[in-house]
């Protein structure tokens, strides 16, 4: 039986060599994702070269998905990781001298007292107590370790930024020159964002990443305007209440299927396999349910880019998909 649900693997330090890319393809990778939030153009060009070489050796076409970073606000450069504890008072600001630096200098303009800030896909959370022109004084609600590059989410507020940044435009130019096959646009808010990107890349399919609460209001028009959508559960789960994520996931998949647009389920699919050789039972169920819901593809991120077991993660996901698809086919055959 031919597998319908595709596997997208993110490439990175754990999987950038010709040998590892070849192994990923043999394990089941159908599409290779390049995450432009990380890595240099030199590194991405090397990975593209290795993908093309592996394609040739295995006689199998592997489309490349270039994932643009978008207007992601992150923790700035730190000398060392910073541990914060529940109840502690910290400062987020423009400078590392007297605060934890962030990459968006106008952040203080938009946030107000009692606004929440979630860090690293919601693993840490702080509440704004007061602000000045240059920093936000916050109380830690959920502690943990802050690292350089950790993303920030603002569930109680909307930060006004262009969806397509100057970095995205440079990255897009690089990707088009490298003849990537698909572009993913991060933090889409409305269909207009897709239209604006299409002006810059008129011939390349565009995937809209749904990871903002604003996008949920404009879901139908975004799906219609794009060539496909991605349920980006990491940032989405930090931007809306986590208990709403499965509900929104099913809504996105159902609507995409009705409009006949491809839909990708992404983020933390087999998260424990970053460190462990086998997934949890809950992760297996999550991946199978994505198949049962009629996802067209499932995306592995850190599992294959920086994890200890990229080959195993892809291979196990393939087994889960085949088992789920066979189960669905058997059910349809018996009920027909």
Protein backbone atom coordinates (compact mmCIF):
# COMPACT_ATOMS: atom_id res chain seq x y z
CA UNK A 1 0.00 0.00 0.00
CA UNK A 2 1.36 3.42 -1.03
CA UNK A 3 1.79 5.81 1.90
CA UNK A 4 -0.39 8.92 1.50
CA UNK A 5 0.83 11.01 4.44
CA UNK A 6 4.20 12.57 3.68
CA UNK A 7 7.09 13.05 6.10
CA UNK A 8 8.88 16.40 6.29
CA UNK A 9 12.23 16.41 8.10
CA UNK A 10 14.02 19.54 9.27
CA UNK A 11 17.73 19.41 8.53
CA UNK A 12 20.38 20.77 10.89
CA UNK A 13 23.66 19.90 12.60
CA UNK A 14 22.45 16.35 13.35
CA UNK A 15 21.44 15.65 9.76
CA UNK A 16 23.30 17.93 7.34
CA UNK A 17 25.78 15.48 5.83
CA UNK A 18 25.23 13.54 2.62
CA UNK A 19 25.29 10.30 4.63
CA UNK A 20 22.64 11.45 7.12
CA UNK A 21 20.40 12.97 4.43
CA UNK A 22 20.62 9.72 2.46
CA UNK A 23 19.64 7.78 5.59
CA UNK A 24 16.68 10.10 6.23
CA UNK A 25 15.40 9.56 2.69
CA UNK A 26 15.75 5.81 3.15
CA UNK A 27 13.89 6.11 6.48
CA UNK A 28 10.96 7.86 4.82
CA UNK A 29 11.69 11.57 4.37
CA UNK A 30 9.66 12.96 1.45
CA UNK A 31 10.41 16.68 1.86
CA UNK A 32 13.44 18.42 3.42
CA UNK A 33 12.84 21.57 5.50
CA UNK A 34 15.41 24.30 5.96
CA UNK A 35 14.70 26.51 8.99
CA UNK A 36 15.95 30.02 8.20
CA UNK A 37 15.77 30.98 11.88
CA UNK A 38 19.07 29.16 12.31
CA UNK A 39 22.28 28.67 10.36
CA UNK A 40 24.28 30.61 7.79
CA UNK A 41 23.71 30.77 4.03
CA UNK A 42 26.89 28.73 3.66
CA UNK A 43 25.46 25.96 5.83
CA UNK A 44 22.08 26.00 4.07
CA UNK A 45 23.79 25.91 0.65
CA UNK A 46 25.81 22.90 1.81
CA UNK A 47 22.64 21.08 2.89
CA UNK A 48 20.91 21.87 -0.41
CA UNK A 49 23.93 20.51 -2.29
CA UNK A 50 23.80 17.31 -0.22
CA UNK A 51 20.03 16.93 -0.76
CA UNK A 52 20.50 17.19 -4.52
CA UNK A 53 23.35 14.66 -4.42
CA UNK A 54 21.26 12.22 -2.36
CA UNK A 55 18.34 12.65 -4.79
CA UNK A 56 20.60 11.72 -7.66
CA UNK A 57 22.09 8.72 -5.86
CA UNK A 58 18.70 7.33 -4.77
CA UNK A 59 16.75 8.33 -7.89
CA UNK A 60 14.11 10.01 -5.73
CA UNK A 61 12.94 13.62 -5.93
CA UNK A 62 13.05 15.43 -2.55
CA UNK A 63 11.40 18.88 -2.63
CA UNK A 64 13.01 21.52 -0.40
CA UNK A 65 10.82 23.64 1.89
CA UNK A 66 12.38 26.98 2.85
CA UNK A 67 10.82 28.10 6.15
CA UNK A 68 11.10 31.88 6.60
CA UNK A 69 11.64 33.10 10.16
CA UNK A 70 9.05 35.89 10.05
CA UNK A 71 8.74 38.62 12.72
CA UNK A 72 9.76 36.37 15.58
CA UNK A 73 10.86 38.27 18.67
CA UNK A 74 13.63 36.44 20.50
CA UNK A 75 15.96 36.65 23.46
CA UNK A 76 19.13 38.47 22.39
CA UNK A 77 22.74 37.46 22.89
CA UNK A 78 23.65 36.25 26.36
CA UNK A 79 27.05 35.48 27.85
CA UNK A 80 25.53 32.44 29.57
CA UNK A 81 22.06 30.90 29.96
CA UNK A 82 20.02 32.60 32.72
CA UNK A 83 18.02 30.65 35.30
CA UNK A 84 14.90 32.42 36.57
CA UNK A 85 12.73 31.28 39.49
CA UNK A 86 9.03 31.59 40.31
CA UNK A 87 8.33 34.92 42.03
CA UNK A 88 11.63 36.50 40.94
CA UNK A 89 11.64 40.02 39.44
CA UNK A 90 13.49 40.34 36.12
CA UNK A 91 13.88 42.98 33.40
CA UNK A 92 13.54 42.50 29.64
CA UNK A 93 14.93 45.29 27.48
CA UNK A 94 17.09 46.64 24.70
CA UNK A 95 20.42 46.26 26.46
CA UNK A 96 22.23 43.39 28.13
CA UNK A 97 23.76 45.80 30.68
CA UNK A 98 20.83 45.98 33.09
CA UNK A 99 18.27 43.61 31.57
CA UNK A 100 17.79 40.41 29.58
CA UNK A 101 18.06 41.60 25.96
CA UNK A 102 15.32 41.07 23.37
CA UNK A 103 15.62 41.50 19.60
CA UNK A 104 12.75 43.99 19.18
CA UNK A 105 13.60 47.45 20.57
CA UNK A 106 10.00 48.75 20.34
CA UNK A 107 8.57 46.03 22.58
CA UNK A 108 7.95 48.47 25.44
CA UNK A 109 5.71 50.52 23.16
CA UNK A 110 3.13 47.74 22.82
CA UNK A 111 3.10 45.94 26.16
CA UNK A 112 1.41 47.22 29.31
CA UNK A 113 1.04 46.29 32.97
CA UNK A 114 -0.30 42.73 33.55
CA UNK A 115 0.46 41.58 29.98
CA UNK A 116 1.88 38.05 29.80
CA UNK A 117 5.08 37.08 28.01
CA UNK A 118 5.73 33.42 27.24
CA UNK A 119 9.27 32.26 26.51
CA UNK A 120 10.46 29.21 24.54
CA UNK A 121 7.05 27.99 23.30
CA UNK A 122 5.45 28.75 26.66
CA UNK A 123 7.84 26.76 28.85
CA UNK A 124 8.51 29.93 30.86
CA UNK A 125 6.06 32.74 31.63
CA UNK A 126 6.41 36.23 33.09
CA UNK A 127 3.94 39.07 33.82
CA UNK A 128 4.69 42.74 33.18
CA UNK A 129 4.65 44.79 36.41
CA UNK A 130 5.77 48.13 34.99
CA UNK A 131 7.66 49.59 32.05
CA UNK A 132 10.00 52.39 31.04
CA UNK A 133 11.13 53.51 27.59
CA UNK A 134 13.85 50.88 27.51
CA UNK A 135 12.79 47.91 29.60
CA UNK A 136 9.93 45.86 31.05
CA UNK A 137 10.03 44.90 34.72
CA UNK A 138 8.39 41.48 35.04
CA UNK A 139 7.48 38.92 37.69
CA UNK A 140 8.29 35.28 36.93
CA UNK A 141 5.18 33.07 36.95
CA UNK A 142 6.85 29.94 35.56
CA UNK A 143 10.60 29.64 35.95
CA UNK A 144 13.27 27.85 33.97
CA UNK A 145 16.34 28.54 31.86
CA UNK A 146 16.48 31.38 29.33
CA UNK A 147 18.80 30.81 26.37
CA UNK A 148 19.92 33.01 23.49
CA UNK A 149 17.42 32.76 20.64
CA UNK A 150 14.44 31.64 22.75
CA UNK A 151 11.23 32.88 21.15
CA UNK A 152 8.75 35.20 22.88
CA UNK A 153 4.96 35.08 22.59
CA UNK A 154 2.40 37.62 23.76
CA UNK A 155 -0.98 35.93 24.35
CA UNK A 156 -2.61 39.01 25.89
CA UNK A 157 -1.48 41.54 23.28
CA UNK A 158 -0.77 42.05 19.58
CA UNK A 159 2.63 43.35 18.51
CA UNK A 160 2.38 45.36 15.28
CA UNK A 161 5.05 44.13 12.86
CA UNK A 162 5.29 43.41 9.16
CA UNK A 163 4.84 39.68 8.56
CA UNK A 164 7.60 39.71 5.91
CA UNK A 165 10.78 41.13 7.43
CA UNK A 166 13.95 42.42 5.75
CA UNK A 167 15.67 39.18 6.81
CA UNK A 168 12.88 37.17 5.17
CA UNK A 169 13.41 39.06 1.90
CA UNK A 170 17.13 38.27 1.94
CA UNK A 171 16.45 34.63 2.85
CA UNK A 172 13.84 34.39 0.10
CA UNK A 173 16.30 35.75 -2.45
CA UNK A 174 18.81 33.12 -1.35
CA UNK A 175 16.21 30.35 -1.53
CA UNK A 176 14.93 31.29 -4.98
CA UNK A 177 18.51 31.43 -6.27
CA UNK A 178 19.00 27.92 -4.86
CA UNK A 179 15.75 26.83 -6.60
CA UNK A 180 13.92 25.67 -3.49
CA UNK A 181 10.52 24.12 -4.21
CA UNK A 182 8.25 25.48 -1.46
CA UNK A 183 8.20 28.58 0.78
CA UNK A 184 6.65 28.61 4.27
CA UNK A 185 5.61 31.99 5.69
CA UNK A 186 5.66 32.29 9.49
CA UNK A 187 3.22 34.22 11.70
CA UNK A 188 0.64 34.83 8.99
CA UNK A 189 -2.16 37.09 10.24
CA UNK A 190 -4.32 37.52 7.14
CA UNK A 191 -4.59 36.55 3.46
CA UNK A 192 -2.88 39.82 2.49
CA UNK A 193 0.38 38.45 3.96
CA UNK A 194 0.31 35.60 1.43
CA UNK A 195 -0.49 38.01 -1.42
CA UNK A 196 2.48 40.18 -0.47
CA UNK A 197 4.84 37.19 -0.46
CA UNK A 198 3.46 35.98 -3.78
CA UNK A 199 4.55 39.26 -5.37
CA UNK A 200 8.12 38.37 -4.38
CA UNK A 201 7.86 34.67 -5.33
CA UNK A 202 5.12 34.35 -7.97
CA UNK A 203 6.13 30.89 -9.20
CA UNK A 204 6.81 29.11 -5.90
CA UNK A 205 4.08 27.40 -3.81
CA UNK A 206 3.49 29.14 -0.47
CA UNK A 207 2.56 27.43 2.81
CA UNK A 208 0.86 29.62 5.44
CA UNK A 209 1.93 28.78 9.00
CA UNK A 210 -0.94 29.15 11.45
CA UNK A 211 0.65 30.13 14.76
CA UNK A 212 -1.04 33.39 15.79
CA UNK A 213 -4.42 33.98 17.41
CA UNK A 214 -5.12 36.64 14.74
CA UNK A 215 -4.83 34.00 11.99
CA UNK A 216 -7.61 31.88 13.50
CA UNK A 217 -10.11 34.69 12.82
CA UNK A 218 -9.03 34.80 9.16
CA UNK A 219 -8.55 31.07 8.66
CA UNK A 220 -10.74 30.48 5.60
CA UNK A 221 -9.37 33.41 3.58
CA UNK A 222 -5.76 32.47 4.48
CA UNK A 223 -6.26 28.86 3.38
CA UNK A 224 -7.90 29.93 0.12
CA UNK A 225 -5.07 32.36 -0.70
CA UNK A 226 -2.22 29.96 0.14
CA UNK A 227 -1.09 26.76 -1.58
CA UNK A 228 -1.25 24.89 1.72
CA UNK A 229 -1.21 25.44 5.49
CA UNK A 230 0.86 24.29 8.44
CA UNK A 231 -0.50 23.77 11.95
CA UNK A 232 2.54 25.21 13.77
CA UNK A 233 1.66 24.04 17.26
CA UNK A 234 4.71 25.38 19.10
CA UNK A 235 4.06 29.10 18.75
CA UNK A 236 0.31 28.54 18.41
CA UNK A 237 0.24 26.78 21.77
CA UNK A 238 2.08 29.69 23.37
CA UNK A 239 -0.23 32.25 21.75
CA UNK A 240 -3.55 30.62 22.69
CA UNK A 241 -4.53 28.48 25.72
CA UNK A 242 -2.87 25.06 25.25
CA UNK A 243 -6.16 23.21 25.75
CA UNK A 244 -7.45 24.97 22.63
CA UNK A 245 -4.63 23.67 20.39
CA UNK A 246 -6.19 20.23 19.57
CA UNK A 247 -9.52 21.92 18.81
CA UNK A 248 -7.92 24.52 16.52
CA UNK A 249 -5.75 21.81 14.92
CA UNK A 250 -8.80 19.79 13.92
CA UNK A 251 -10.57 22.93 12.70
CA UNK A 252 -7.61 23.87 10.46
CA UNK A 253 -7.24 20.35 9.05
CA UNK A 254 -10.98 19.98 8.38
CA UNK A 255 -11.22 23.37 6.66
CA UNK A 256 -8.10 22.74 4.55
CA UNK A 257 -9.53 19.38 3.46
CA UNK A 258 -12.84 21.03 2.51
CA UNK A 259 -11.05 23.71 0.48
CA UNK A 260 -8.81 20.99 -0.99
CA UNK A 261 -5.50 22.47 0.17
CA UNK A 262 -2.62 20.41 1.62
CA UNK A 263 -2.22 20.63 5.40
CA UNK A 264 0.87 19.89 7.50
CA UNK A 265 0.79 19.00 11.20
CA UNK A 266 3.97 20.20 12.91
CA UNK A 267 5.87 20.69 16.18
CA UNK A 268 6.61 18.32 19.07
CA UNK A 269 5.31 15.32 17.13
CA UNK A 270 7.99 13.05 18.61
CA UNK A 271 9.64 15.58 20.88
CA UNK A 272 11.04 13.07 23.38
CA UNK A 273 13.12 11.53 20.58
CA UNK A 274 15.42 14.54 20.66
CA UNK A 275 17.00 12.70 23.60
CA UNK A 276 15.43 9.22 23.63
CA UNK A 277 15.53 6.36 21.08
CA UNK A 278 11.77 5.71 21.28
CA UNK A 279 8.72 8.01 21.37
CA UNK A 280 6.22 8.14 24.22
CA UNK A 281 2.88 6.38 23.76
CA UNK A 282 1.19 9.79 23.73
CA UNK A 283 3.44 10.91 20.86
CA UNK A 284 2.61 7.77 18.88
CA UNK A 285 -1.10 8.47 19.40
CA UNK A 286 -0.64 12.13 18.42
CA UNK A 287 1.06 11.21 15.14
CA UNK A 288 -1.56 8.55 14.35
CA UNK A 289 -4.39 10.99 15.10
CA UNK A 290 -2.85 13.48 12.66
CA UNK A 291 -3.20 10.75 10.02
CA UNK A 292 -6.77 9.89 11.08
CA UNK A 293 -7.65 13.61 10.80
CA UNK A 294 -6.34 13.55 7.19
CA UNK A 295 -3.15 15.57 7.51
CA UNK A 296 -1.30 15.49 4.20
CA UNK A 297 2.09 15.63 5.89
CA UNK A 298 3.67 15.45 9.34
CA UNK A 299 6.72 17.57 10.11
CA UNK A 300 9.64 16.65 12.35
CA UNK A 301 11.63 19.61 13.65
CA UNK A 302 14.24 19.33 16.42
CA UNK A 303 13.81 15.56 16.33
CA UNK A 304 15.79 15.43 13.07
CA UNK A 305 17.69 18.75 13.06
CA UNK A 306 19.46 18.57 16.43
CA UNK A 307 18.21 15.33 18.02
CA UNK A 308 20.26 12.26 18.85
CA UNK A 309 18.17 9.91 16.69
CA UNK A 310 17.12 11.62 13.41
CA UNK A 311 17.06 8.38 11.38
CA UNK A 312 15.06 6.50 14.03
CA UNK A 313 12.57 9.36 14.42
CA UNK A 314 11.78 9.37 10.69
CA UNK A 315 11.68 5.57 10.50
CA UNK A 316 9.31 5.22 13.48
CA UNK A 317 7.06 8.00 12.15
CA UNK A 318 6.83 6.13 8.85
CA UNK A 319 5.74 2.96 10.69
CA UNK A 320 3.09 4.91 12.64
CA UNK A 321 1.73 6.48 9.45
CA UNK A 322 1.54 3.15 7.61
CA UNK A 323 -0.20 1.47 10.56
CA UNK A 324 -2.72 4.32 10.85
CA UNK A 325 -3.42 4.39 7.12
CA UNK A 326 -3.82 0.61 6.98
CA UNK A 327 -6.23 0.77 9.92
CA UNK A 328 -8.32 3.42 8.15
CA UNK A 329 -8.31 1.42 4.92
CA UNK A 330 -9.37 -1.76 6.77
CA UNK A 331 -12.19 0.11 8.51
CA UNK A 332 -13.43 1.61 5.24
CA UNK A 333 -13.27 -1.81 3.55
CA UNK A 334 -15.23 -3.54 6.33
CA UNK A 335 -17.86 -0.78 6.53
CA UNK A 336 -18.21 -0.66 2.73
